[in-house]
Amino acid sequence: MRLPKILLIAALFAAPTFAQNMLRVGDMSPQFAAPGLNDTFYDLAAMRNQVVLVTFWSTKCEICRHEIPQLNQFKKRFEGRGVVFLAVTMESESRVEPFLRSNKFDFSIIPDGFGIVLQFADRDKKGQMDMGFPAYYLIDRNGRVAYRSSGWDKVPAMESQINQILASN
């Protein structure tokens, strides 16, 4: 009778520890396959041998909206060089499409991405999702996280990391 109580107590204290999640540079990236806008389907596993930048953003995020023109210019610098730019949002297609009509965003947009966010987001000790927006995850040709960050003006650091990956055939 005493052993089940001890096991129950141990499990309750261990649960928050197991709930913690932190994707680190060098870790294998979580895999996802999801529909994007315009009937396009994106499968991260099928993008091996390419460099993939995944950004998590929202139409409601002031920093995200401010960064979009800079991200568009950033993407142009890597055209034809084997780099894929994905922008995942938890918002619905019906919310995102009107925003995109007045705010050009050249990344491939994946709406309704809550499940993808859950795979990438850190978790605190209580198991609560912890992710700043915009968030950036650079995935190398082997499917490993090469860079991760969030917030303002990350383009110079991301550009440096992508150039290093591209140079290291």
N, C-alpha and C. Protein backbone atom coordinates (compact mmCIF):
# COMPACT_ATOMS: atom_id res chain seq x y z
N MET A 1 0.82 -1.18 0.00
CA MET A 1 0.00 0.00 0.00
C MET A 1 0.87 1.26 0.00
N ARG A 2 1.97 1.21 0.70
CA ARG A 2 2.83 2.37 0.81
C ARG A 2 3.60 2.62 -0.49
N LEU A 3 4.01 1.59 -1.21
CA LEU A 3 4.75 1.72 -2.46
C LEU A 3 3.95 2.47 -3.52
N PRO A 4 2.67 2.18 -3.76
CA PRO A 4 1.91 2.95 -4.76
C PRO A 4 1.84 4.44 -4.41
N LYS A 5 1.72 4.78 -3.13
CA LYS A 5 1.67 6.19 -2.74
C LYS A 5 3.00 6.87 -3.04
N ILE A 6 4.09 6.19 -2.76
CA ILE A 6 5.42 6.74 -3.03
C ILE A 6 5.61 6.95 -4.53
N LEU A 7 5.18 5.96 -5.32
CA LEU A 7 5.30 6.08 -6.77
C LEU A 7 4.44 7.22 -7.30
N LEU A 8 3.25 7.39 -6.76
CA LEU A 8 2.37 8.48 -7.17
C LEU A 8 2.99 9.83 -6.85
N ILE A 9 3.53 9.98 -5.67
CA ILE A 9 4.17 11.23 -5.27
C ILE A 9 5.39 11.50 -6.15
N ALA A 10 6.18 10.49 -6.40
CA ALA A 10 7.36 10.66 -7.26
C ALA A 10 6.94 11.08 -8.67
N ALA A 11 5.87 10.48 -9.19
CA ALA A 11 5.40 10.84 -10.53
C ALA A 11 4.90 12.28 -10.59
N LEU A 12 4.23 12.72 -9.54
CA LEU A 12 3.73 14.09 -9.52
C LEU A 12 4.87 15.11 -9.52
N PHE A 13 5.94 14.80 -8.79
CA PHE A 13 7.08 15.71 -8.76
C PHE A 13 7.91 15.61 -10.05
N ALA A 14 7.90 14.48 -10.68
CA ALA A 14 8.68 14.30 -11.90
C ALA A 14 7.98 14.87 -13.12
N ALA A 15 6.66 14.97 -13.11
CA ALA A 15 5.91 15.43 -14.28
C ALA A 15 6.36 16.79 -14.78
N PRO A 16 6.55 17.79 -13.91
CA PRO A 16 7.02 19.08 -14.42
C PRO A 16 8.40 18.98 -15.07
N THR A 17 9.25 18.13 -14.55
CA THR A 17 10.57 17.96 -15.14
C THR A 17 10.46 17.42 -16.55
N PHE A 18 9.59 16.42 -16.75
CA PHE A 18 9.41 15.86 -18.07
C PHE A 18 8.73 16.85 -19.01
N ALA A 19 7.97 17.77 -18.47
CA ALA A 19 7.27 18.75 -19.29
C ALA A 19 8.22 19.80 -19.85
N GLN A 20 9.38 19.99 -19.22
CA GLN A 20 10.32 20.97 -19.72
C GLN A 20 10.87 20.50 -21.07
N ASN A 21 10.97 21.42 -21.96
CA ASN A 21 11.46 21.11 -23.29
C ASN A 21 12.28 22.29 -23.76
N MET A 22 13.46 22.03 -24.23
CA MET A 22 14.25 23.11 -24.79
C MET A 22 15.02 22.57 -25.98
N LEU A 23 14.67 23.07 -27.13
CA LEU A 23 15.34 22.69 -28.36
C LEU A 23 16.63 23.50 -28.44
N ARG A 24 17.74 22.81 -28.51
CA ARG A 24 19.05 23.48 -28.48
C ARG A 24 19.73 23.39 -29.84
N VAL A 25 20.65 24.31 -30.07
CA VAL A 25 21.48 24.25 -31.26
C VAL A 25 22.21 22.91 -31.25
N GLY A 26 22.18 22.21 -32.37
CA GLY A 26 22.79 20.89 -32.49
C GLY A 26 21.78 19.76 -32.38
N ASP A 27 20.62 20.03 -31.79
CA ASP A 27 19.56 19.01 -31.70
C ASP A 27 18.93 18.77 -33.06
N MET A 28 18.39 17.59 -33.24
CA MET A 28 17.60 17.33 -34.45
C MET A 28 16.33 18.18 -34.37
N SER A 29 15.97 18.75 -35.47
CA SER A 29 14.77 19.57 -35.52
C SER A 29 13.53 18.70 -35.43
N PRO A 30 12.49 19.18 -34.77
CA PRO A 30 11.22 18.47 -34.85
C PRO A 30 10.77 18.42 -36.32
N GLN A 31 10.07 17.39 -36.67
CA GLN A 31 9.60 17.24 -38.05
C GLN A 31 8.13 17.64 -38.13
N PHE A 32 7.77 18.21 -39.24
CA PHE A 32 6.36 18.54 -39.46
C PHE A 32 6.06 18.50 -40.95
N ALA A 33 4.82 18.28 -41.24
CA ALA A 33 4.29 18.36 -42.59
C ALA A 33 2.96 19.08 -42.46
N ALA A 34 2.78 20.14 -43.25
CA ALA A 34 1.59 20.96 -43.08
C ALA A 34 1.24 21.67 -44.38
N PRO A 35 -0.05 21.94 -44.56
CA PRO A 35 -0.45 22.71 -45.73
C PRO A 35 -0.14 24.19 -45.53
N GLY A 36 0.28 24.82 -46.60
CA GLY A 36 0.51 26.25 -46.58
C GLY A 36 -0.58 26.95 -47.37
N LEU A 37 -0.40 28.22 -47.58
CA LEU A 37 -1.35 28.97 -48.40
C LEU A 37 -1.22 28.53 -49.86
N ASN A 38 -2.22 28.77 -50.62
CA ASN A 38 -2.23 28.49 -52.06
C ASN A 38 -2.04 27.01 -52.38
N ASP A 39 -2.62 26.14 -51.55
CA ASP A 39 -2.62 24.70 -51.79
C ASP A 39 -1.21 24.10 -51.91
N THR A 40 -0.26 24.66 -51.21
CA THR A 40 1.10 24.12 -51.19
C THR A 40 1.26 23.33 -49.90
N PHE A 41 2.01 22.23 -49.97
CA PHE A 41 2.23 21.38 -48.80
C PHE A 41 3.72 21.41 -48.48
N TYR A 42 4.05 21.56 -47.21
CA TYR A 42 5.44 21.64 -46.77
C TYR A 42 5.76 20.49 -45.84
N ASP A 43 6.78 19.72 -46.21
CA ASP A 43 7.22 18.58 -45.42
C ASP A 43 8.69 18.81 -45.08
N LEU A 44 8.97 19.10 -43.82
CA LEU A 44 10.33 19.43 -43.42
C LEU A 44 11.30 18.28 -43.71
N ALA A 45 10.86 17.05 -43.53
CA ALA A 45 11.75 15.90 -43.81
C ALA A 45 12.15 15.86 -45.28
N ALA A 46 11.27 16.28 -46.16
CA ALA A 46 11.57 16.29 -47.59
C ALA A 46 12.52 17.42 -47.99
N MET A 47 12.80 18.32 -47.05
CA MET A 47 13.68 19.45 -47.33
C MET A 47 15.12 19.20 -46.90
N ARG A 48 15.44 17.95 -46.56
CA ARG A 48 16.82 17.62 -46.23
C ARG A 48 17.71 18.03 -47.39
N ASN A 49 18.92 18.32 -47.12
CA ASN A 49 19.91 18.82 -48.07
C ASN A 49 19.65 20.26 -48.48
N GLN A 50 18.69 20.91 -47.83
CA GLN A 50 18.47 22.33 -48.00
C GLN A 50 18.59 22.98 -46.63
N VAL A 51 18.87 24.24 -46.63
CA VAL A 51 18.88 25.01 -45.39
C VAL A 51 17.46 25.58 -45.24
N VAL A 52 16.89 25.46 -44.05
CA VAL A 52 15.51 25.91 -43.84
C VAL A 52 15.48 26.89 -42.67
N LEU A 53 14.90 28.05 -42.92
CA LEU A 53 14.66 29.00 -41.84
C LEU A 53 13.16 28.98 -41.55
N VAL A 54 12.83 28.62 -40.32
CA VAL A 54 11.43 28.62 -39.89
C VAL A 54 11.27 29.79 -38.93
N THR A 55 10.34 30.67 -39.26
CA THR A 55 10.03 31.77 -38.35
C THR A 55 8.60 31.60 -37.87
N PHE A 56 8.39 31.87 -36.61
CA PHE A 56 7.06 31.83 -36.01
C PHE A 56 6.64 33.28 -35.80
N TRP A 57 5.47 33.63 -36.30
CA TRP A 57 5.04 35.02 -36.31
C TRP A 57 3.53 35.11 -36.13
N SER A 58 3.06 36.34 -35.98
CA SER A 58 1.62 36.59 -35.84
C SER A 58 1.29 37.95 -36.45
N THR A 59 0.11 38.06 -37.00
CA THR A 59 -0.33 39.35 -37.54
C THR A 59 -0.51 40.37 -36.41
N LYS A 60 -0.68 39.88 -35.19
CA LYS A 60 -0.89 40.76 -34.03
C LYS A 60 0.42 41.22 -33.40
N CYS A 61 1.51 40.64 -33.81
CA CYS A 61 2.83 40.93 -33.21
C CYS A 61 3.44 42.15 -33.89
N GLU A 62 3.62 43.21 -33.11
CA GLU A 62 4.17 44.45 -33.65
C GLU A 62 5.59 44.25 -34.18
N ILE A 63 6.41 43.51 -33.44
CA ILE A 63 7.78 43.24 -33.91
C ILE A 63 7.74 42.47 -35.21
N CYS A 64 6.88 41.47 -35.30
CA CYS A 64 6.77 40.66 -36.52
C CYS A 64 6.45 41.55 -37.72
N ARG A 65 5.45 42.41 -37.56
CA ARG A 65 5.03 43.28 -38.66
C ARG A 65 6.17 44.23 -39.06
N HIS A 66 6.90 44.72 -38.08
CA HIS A 66 8.02 45.61 -38.34
C HIS A 66 9.15 44.90 -39.08
N GLU A 67 9.36 43.64 -38.79
CA GLU A 67 10.48 42.88 -39.36
C GLU A 67 10.22 42.37 -40.78
N ILE A 68 8.97 42.28 -41.19
CA ILE A 68 8.64 41.66 -42.49
C ILE A 68 9.40 42.29 -43.66
N PRO A 69 9.45 43.61 -43.83
CA PRO A 69 10.21 44.15 -44.97
C PRO A 69 11.68 43.75 -44.95
N GLN A 70 12.29 43.74 -43.77
CA GLN A 70 13.69 43.33 -43.64
C GLN A 70 13.85 41.84 -43.98
N LEU A 71 12.89 41.02 -43.56
CA LEU A 71 12.94 39.59 -43.87
C LEU A 71 12.77 39.35 -45.37
N ASN A 72 11.94 40.15 -46.03
CA ASN A 72 11.77 40.02 -47.47
C ASN A 72 13.08 40.29 -48.20
N GLN A 73 13.79 41.33 -47.79
CA GLN A 73 15.10 41.65 -48.39
C GLN A 73 16.11 40.55 -48.11
N PHE A 74 16.08 40.04 -46.91
CA PHE A 74 16.95 38.94 -46.49
C PHE A 74 16.74 37.72 -47.38
N LYS A 75 15.50 37.36 -47.60
CA LYS A 75 15.18 36.20 -48.45
C LYS A 75 15.71 36.39 -49.86
N LYS A 76 15.59 37.58 -50.40
CA LYS A 76 16.06 37.86 -51.77
C LYS A 76 17.54 37.57 -51.92
N ARG A 77 18.31 37.83 -50.88
CA ARG A 77 19.76 37.62 -50.96
C ARG A 77 20.14 36.14 -51.08
N PHE A 78 19.20 35.25 -50.80
CA PHE A 78 19.49 33.81 -50.86
C PHE A 78 18.73 33.08 -51.96
N GLU A 79 18.10 33.81 -52.85
CA GLU A 79 17.36 33.17 -53.94
C GLU A 79 18.30 32.30 -54.78
N GLY A 80 17.85 31.10 -55.09
CA GLY A 80 18.62 30.18 -55.91
C GLY A 80 19.80 29.53 -55.21
N ARG A 81 19.87 29.64 -53.89
CA ARG A 81 21.02 29.11 -53.16
C ARG A 81 20.68 27.94 -52.24
N GLY A 82 19.49 27.34 -52.41
CA GLY A 82 19.13 26.17 -51.61
C GLY A 82 18.68 26.49 -50.21
N VAL A 83 18.04 27.66 -50.03
CA VAL A 83 17.54 28.05 -48.72
C VAL A 83 16.02 28.20 -48.83
N VAL A 84 15.32 27.58 -47.90
CA VAL A 84 13.86 27.64 -47.85
C VAL A 84 13.46 28.52 -46.68
N PHE A 85 12.49 29.39 -46.90
CA PHE A 85 12.03 30.32 -45.87
C PHE A 85 10.56 30.04 -45.57
N LEU A 86 10.28 29.55 -44.38
CA LEU A 86 8.93 29.22 -43.95
C LEU A 86 8.50 30.14 -42.81
N ALA A 87 7.25 30.58 -42.85
CA ALA A 87 6.71 31.43 -41.79
C ALA A 87 5.46 30.75 -41.25
N VAL A 88 5.54 30.29 -40.02
CA VAL A 88 4.45 29.55 -39.39
C VAL A 88 3.70 30.49 -38.45
N THR A 89 2.38 30.47 -38.57
CA THR A 89 1.54 31.24 -37.68
C THR A 89 0.43 30.35 -37.12
N MET A 90 0.00 30.64 -35.92
CA MET A 90 -1.10 29.89 -35.31
C MET A 90 -2.44 30.41 -35.81
N GLU A 91 -2.42 31.51 -36.52
CA GLU A 91 -3.67 32.11 -36.99
C GLU A 91 -4.21 31.37 -38.22
N SER A 92 -5.51 31.50 -38.42
CA SER A 92 -6.17 30.82 -39.53
C SER A 92 -5.88 31.50 -40.86
N GLU A 93 -6.09 30.76 -41.91
CA GLU A 93 -5.92 31.28 -43.26
C GLU A 93 -6.82 32.49 -43.49
N SER A 94 -8.04 32.44 -42.96
CA SER A 94 -8.97 33.56 -43.14
C SER A 94 -8.50 34.83 -42.42
N ARG A 95 -7.69 34.70 -41.43
CA ARG A 95 -7.12 35.85 -40.72
C ARG A 95 -5.85 36.35 -41.41
N VAL A 96 -5.05 35.41 -41.93
CA VAL A 96 -3.75 35.75 -42.50
C VAL A 96 -3.88 36.36 -43.90
N GLU A 97 -4.74 35.81 -44.73
CA GLU A 97 -4.83 36.28 -46.12
C GLU A 97 -5.15 37.77 -46.24
N PRO A 98 -6.12 38.31 -45.50
CA PRO A 98 -6.35 39.76 -45.60
C PRO A 98 -5.13 40.58 -45.16
N PHE A 99 -4.43 40.12 -44.14
CA PHE A 99 -3.21 40.79 -43.68
C PHE A 99 -2.17 40.82 -44.80
N LEU A 100 -2.00 39.68 -45.49
CA LEU A 100 -0.98 39.58 -46.53
C LEU A 100 -1.32 40.42 -47.76
N ARG A 101 -2.59 40.70 -47.98
CA ARG A 101 -2.96 41.55 -49.12
C ARG A 101 -2.41 42.97 -48.95
N SER A 102 -2.27 43.42 -47.73
CA SER A 102 -1.75 44.77 -47.51
C SER A 102 -0.34 44.78 -46.90
N ASN A 103 0.20 43.61 -46.61
CA ASN A 103 1.54 43.48 -46.03
C ASN A 103 2.26 42.32 -46.71
N LYS A 104 2.99 42.63 -47.75
CA LYS A 104 3.69 41.60 -48.51
C LYS A 104 4.69 40.87 -47.61
N PHE A 105 4.59 39.54 -47.61
CA PHE A 105 5.53 38.70 -46.84
C PHE A 105 5.95 37.58 -47.79
N ASP A 106 7.22 37.57 -48.20
CA ASP A 106 7.69 36.68 -49.25
C ASP A 106 8.03 35.27 -48.78
N PHE A 107 7.95 35.00 -47.50
CA PHE A 107 8.19 33.64 -47.01
C PHE A 107 7.00 32.76 -47.40
N SER A 108 7.20 31.46 -47.40
CA SER A 108 6.10 30.52 -47.60
C SER A 108 5.33 30.44 -46.28
N ILE A 109 4.05 30.78 -46.33
CA ILE A 109 3.24 30.92 -45.12
C ILE A 109 2.51 29.63 -44.80
N ILE A 110 2.63 29.21 -43.55
CA ILE A 110 1.90 28.04 -43.05
C ILE A 110 0.97 28.52 -41.94
N PRO A 111 -0.34 28.60 -42.24
CA PRO A 111 -1.31 29.02 -41.21
C PRO A 111 -1.71 27.84 -40.33
N ASP A 112 -2.47 28.12 -39.28
CA ASP A 112 -2.99 27.08 -38.39
C ASP A 112 -1.88 26.18 -37.87
N GLY A 113 -0.75 26.77 -37.52
CA GLY A 113 0.44 26.01 -37.14
C GLY A 113 0.62 25.78 -35.66
N PHE A 114 -0.46 25.74 -34.90
CA PHE A 114 -0.33 25.55 -33.46
C PHE A 114 0.43 24.27 -33.11
N GLY A 115 0.15 23.19 -33.82
CA GLY A 115 0.86 21.93 -33.57
C GLY A 115 2.35 22.03 -33.83
N ILE A 116 2.72 22.82 -34.82
CA ILE A 116 4.14 23.02 -35.12
C ILE A 116 4.78 23.86 -34.02
N VAL A 117 4.08 24.90 -33.60
CA VAL A 117 4.59 25.75 -32.51
C VAL A 117 4.84 24.89 -31.28
N LEU A 118 3.92 24.00 -30.96
CA LEU A 118 4.10 23.14 -29.79
C LEU A 118 5.36 22.30 -29.87
N GLN A 119 5.75 21.90 -31.06
CA GLN A 119 6.96 21.09 -31.22
C GLN A 119 8.24 21.89 -30.99
N PHE A 120 8.20 23.17 -31.33
CA PHE A 120 9.40 24.00 -31.25
C PHE A 120 9.50 24.80 -29.95
N ALA A 121 8.37 25.14 -29.36
CA ALA A 121 8.36 26.02 -28.19
C ALA A 121 8.99 25.37 -26.97
N ASP A 122 9.67 26.18 -26.19
CA ASP A 122 10.18 25.72 -24.91
C ASP A 122 9.00 25.55 -23.97
N ARG A 123 9.23 24.80 -22.90
CA ARG A 123 8.21 24.63 -21.86
C ARG A 123 8.85 24.99 -20.52
N ASP A 124 8.06 25.64 -19.68
CA ASP A 124 8.57 25.95 -18.36
C ASP A 124 8.32 24.75 -17.43
N LYS A 125 8.65 24.90 -16.17
CA LYS A 125 8.51 23.78 -15.22
C LYS A 125 7.08 23.32 -15.05
N LYS A 126 6.13 24.19 -15.35
CA LYS A 126 4.72 23.81 -15.25
C LYS A 126 4.19 23.23 -16.55
N GLY A 127 5.05 23.16 -17.56
CA GLY A 127 4.64 22.62 -18.85
C GLY A 127 4.00 23.65 -19.75
N GLN A 128 4.04 24.92 -19.35
CA GLN A 128 3.45 25.99 -20.15
C GLN A 128 4.38 26.34 -21.32
N MET A 129 3.78 26.62 -22.46
CA MET A 129 4.54 27.00 -23.65
C MET A 129 5.23 28.34 -23.43
N ASP A 130 6.48 28.43 -23.86
CA ASP A 130 7.27 29.64 -23.70
C ASP A 130 8.00 29.91 -25.01
N MET A 131 7.48 30.87 -25.79
CA MET A 131 8.11 31.21 -27.07
C MET A 131 7.89 32.70 -27.34
N GLY A 132 8.97 33.40 -27.59
CA GLY A 132 8.87 34.80 -27.98
C GLY A 132 8.55 34.90 -29.47
N PHE A 133 7.95 36.01 -29.87
CA PHE A 133 7.64 36.22 -31.28
C PHE A 133 8.28 37.51 -31.74
N PRO A 134 8.83 37.54 -32.93
CA PRO A 134 9.01 36.40 -33.80
C PRO A 134 10.10 35.49 -33.26
N ALA A 135 9.99 34.22 -33.59
CA ALA A 135 11.01 33.24 -33.20
C ALA A 135 11.61 32.67 -34.48
N TYR A 136 12.89 32.39 -34.44
CA TYR A 136 13.60 31.90 -35.62
C TYR A 136 14.36 30.62 -35.30
N TYR A 137 14.22 29.64 -36.18
CA TYR A 137 14.95 28.38 -36.07
C TYR A 137 15.56 28.10 -37.43
N LEU A 138 16.87 28.06 -37.47
CA LEU A 138 17.60 27.74 -38.69
C LEU A 138 17.98 26.28 -38.64
N ILE A 139 17.59 25.55 -39.66
CA ILE A 139 17.82 24.10 -39.71
C ILE A 139 18.80 23.81 -40.84
N ASP A 140 19.87 23.11 -40.51
CA ASP A 140 20.90 22.84 -41.51
C ASP A 140 20.48 21.71 -42.45
N ARG A 141 21.35 21.40 -43.38
CA ARG A 141 21.04 20.39 -44.41
C ARG A 141 20.82 18.99 -43.84
N ASN A 142 21.31 18.75 -42.64
CA ASN A 142 21.16 17.43 -42.01
C ASN A 142 19.97 17.38 -41.06
N GLY A 143 19.20 18.45 -40.98
CA GLY A 143 18.02 18.46 -40.13
C GLY A 143 18.29 18.86 -38.68
N ARG A 144 19.45 19.44 -38.43
CA ARG A 144 19.79 19.88 -37.08
C ARG A 144 19.57 21.38 -36.92
N VAL A 145 19.21 21.78 -35.72
CA VAL A 145 19.04 23.20 -35.42
C VAL A 145 20.43 23.84 -35.39
N ALA A 146 20.64 24.81 -36.28
CA ALA A 146 21.94 25.48 -36.37
C ALA A 146 21.93 26.83 -35.67
N TYR A 147 20.73 27.38 -35.46
CA TYR A 147 20.59 28.69 -34.83
C TYR A 147 19.16 28.81 -34.36
N ARG A 148 18.97 29.48 -33.22
CA ARG A 148 17.62 29.80 -32.75
C ARG A 148 17.67 31.10 -31.97
N SER A 149 16.64 31.89 -32.16
CA SER A 149 16.57 33.16 -31.47
C SER A 149 15.15 33.70 -31.59
N SER A 150 14.91 34.82 -30.92
CA SER A 150 13.62 35.49 -31.06
C SER A 150 13.83 36.98 -30.84
N GLY A 151 12.87 37.76 -31.33
CA GLY A 151 12.90 39.19 -31.10
C GLY A 151 13.36 40.01 -32.28
N TRP A 152 13.77 41.23 -31.97
CA TRP A 152 14.16 42.24 -32.95
C TRP A 152 15.46 41.92 -33.67
N ASP A 153 15.52 42.29 -34.92
CA ASP A 153 16.74 42.42 -35.71
C ASP A 153 17.71 41.24 -35.61
N LYS A 154 17.25 40.09 -35.99
CA LYS A 154 18.09 38.90 -35.97
C LYS A 154 18.68 38.57 -37.34
N VAL A 155 18.35 39.37 -38.36
CA VAL A 155 18.79 39.09 -39.72
C VAL A 155 20.31 38.99 -39.84
N PRO A 156 21.10 39.91 -39.29
CA PRO A 156 22.56 39.77 -39.45
C PRO A 156 23.10 38.44 -38.91
N ALA A 157 22.64 38.03 -37.75
CA ALA A 157 23.12 36.75 -37.18
C ALA A 157 22.65 35.57 -38.01
N MET A 158 21.40 35.62 -38.48
CA MET A 158 20.89 34.52 -39.30
C MET A 158 21.63 34.45 -40.64
N GLU A 159 21.89 35.60 -41.22
CA GLU A 159 22.60 35.65 -42.50
C GLU A 159 24.00 35.05 -42.36
N SER A 160 24.67 35.39 -41.29
CA SER A 160 26.00 34.84 -41.02
C SER A 160 25.94 33.32 -40.90
N GLN A 161 24.98 32.82 -40.15
CA GLN A 161 24.84 31.37 -39.95
C GLN A 161 24.52 30.66 -41.28
N ILE A 162 23.62 31.23 -42.06
CA ILE A 162 23.29 30.61 -43.36
C ILE A 162 24.51 30.58 -44.25
N ASN A 163 25.25 31.68 -44.33
CA ASN A 163 26.47 31.70 -45.15
C ASN A 163 27.48 30.67 -44.70
N GLN A 164 27.62 30.47 -43.40
CA GLN A 164 28.54 29.43 -42.89
C GLN A 164 28.09 28.06 -43.33
N ILE A 165 26.79 27.79 -43.21
CA ILE A 165 26.27 26.47 -43.61
C ILE A 165 26.46 26.26 -45.11
N LEU A 166 26.14 27.25 -45.91
CA LEU A 166 26.29 27.13 -47.37
C LEU A 166 27.75 26.93 -47.78
N ALA A 167 28.66 27.54 -47.04
CA ALA A 167 30.09 27.43 -47.37
C ALA A 167 30.67 26.08 -46.96
N SER A 168 29.97 25.37 -46.07
CA SER A 168 30.54 24.12 -45.54
C SER A 168 30.01 22.87 -46.24
N ASN A 169 29.73 22.97 -47.49
CA ASN A 169 29.22 21.84 -48.27
C ASN A 169 29.22 20.60 -47.45
